[in-house]
């Protein structure tokens, strides 16, 4: 009898332990701060700016880098005016040219004619970012088409020492960017990157810096260079068995994430304001318009990712006037569109089984106030306006400090008792922005049709944005 009881107790214990859903990963405080940045700049600058190349060969003479009027304060001033929260610069691209006088290379600004070899782009940009309240990050290509030791075991030590040099002299960085490209160096050999050592090193010397690559460890590539995240976009990713570069997950996986992924590795959407990543004068008439940039914002930040927008300085070392005008226009469109949250302060009710309801804080404008919907299969959120309002944009937010849960939902717009529009949604994540032709609306209903668990909603907002912004 005792054996039976013990056996039954053991069975119950196993069910209670192993029957629980696995605990989901949640973002670190560094990742949360990164999510909140939403939009920041990439800057591609170097010898390619002066050769009209996108990928340099590494044999370019250092003297070719000679901007006539470089002003990093101008970069930072325009970035700040455009609403960007930080700048990541290509400290060293694949050609191996370093924008600072590195002790671990002989192909740097020190060897150039610019400022008689006394210049330091990273020093000037780090100071400019501090002056304008921007965060600073660096891209350091592991591929080096110039360094004579690339393709040997010694180069991994050189790369690690270079990372240490950057962090020591110019940090702290909000983001460190690893490109997965791996080609031949000047000796005709490819490098076997020791990314495990690279990762241990950056964690030790810069524990508050988030690290980007195809597979993180903190941020993943979105799988394209168009600046567009998947309409379904999970912040989770499985990395076991994958590598950076050609061993990365498929582009679809990088775009959508893994619904049951083990790691919190959200997507970053990188895209250039021009067709190329480096400045080319022949592209001056191909700068993306403010409306095109706003559309990219909807398809990156509005799908739970961040927008890393490349803005390349010209041969003067200045942000070109064409780019600047478009960026300021982009900021004006965002300010105009999201200035008036029509749902702010409206009653927000959580209904259960169609009869029981309670007021929530979903419309208080504070993303830190949130509520878990424990019975989402039998619940709906109602936002009720005091009169009919014209809207064409709804913004939904999950409290991602608790994880990401919503798999699918419907947003239903009503005018009185009349349903005027029903919008299907998959993931929400940190922010989901929905745009549609303008509707006369007296209430909004959010129904979560499927979720991984009990989702936690923080905000439901509504706007009437310029109609032209809903049609791209």
Foldseek 3Di string as FASTA:
>chain_A
DVVVVVVVVVVVVCCVVVVDDDAADFADPLLVVVLVQQEAAEAEDDLCLQVVDQDDQLPDQLQSQAAAAAALLQVLVLRVLLSHQAYEYAQADQSGEGQAPDPLDPRYCLRYPHVDSPDHVLVRNLVSCVVNNHFYEYEYELHHQHDPCAQHPVSLVSVLVVVLVCCVPRDDHSEYEYALDWAAHPVRHTHDHPVVVVVVSCCVSHVSHFYEFCPGLAAHELLDQALAADLQAFQAAACPQADTDPRHDHNVCSRRPDPRHRHRHGYEHHYEQFPGLADDPVGLVRGHALLRVLLSSQRASQSSHHYHYYQYAHSNNHRDPSNSVRSSSNSVQVCQWPVDFQLAPFFKWKDFQNPDIDTACQRPPDLVGKDWQQPLQGIKIKGFAPAWDKFFKKKWAFNSSSPWKQQKKWKWFDDVPRTDDIDIGGTAYGMHMGGDAIDTGGMIMIHRNGIPGTTMTRYMTTTHGPRVSRPD
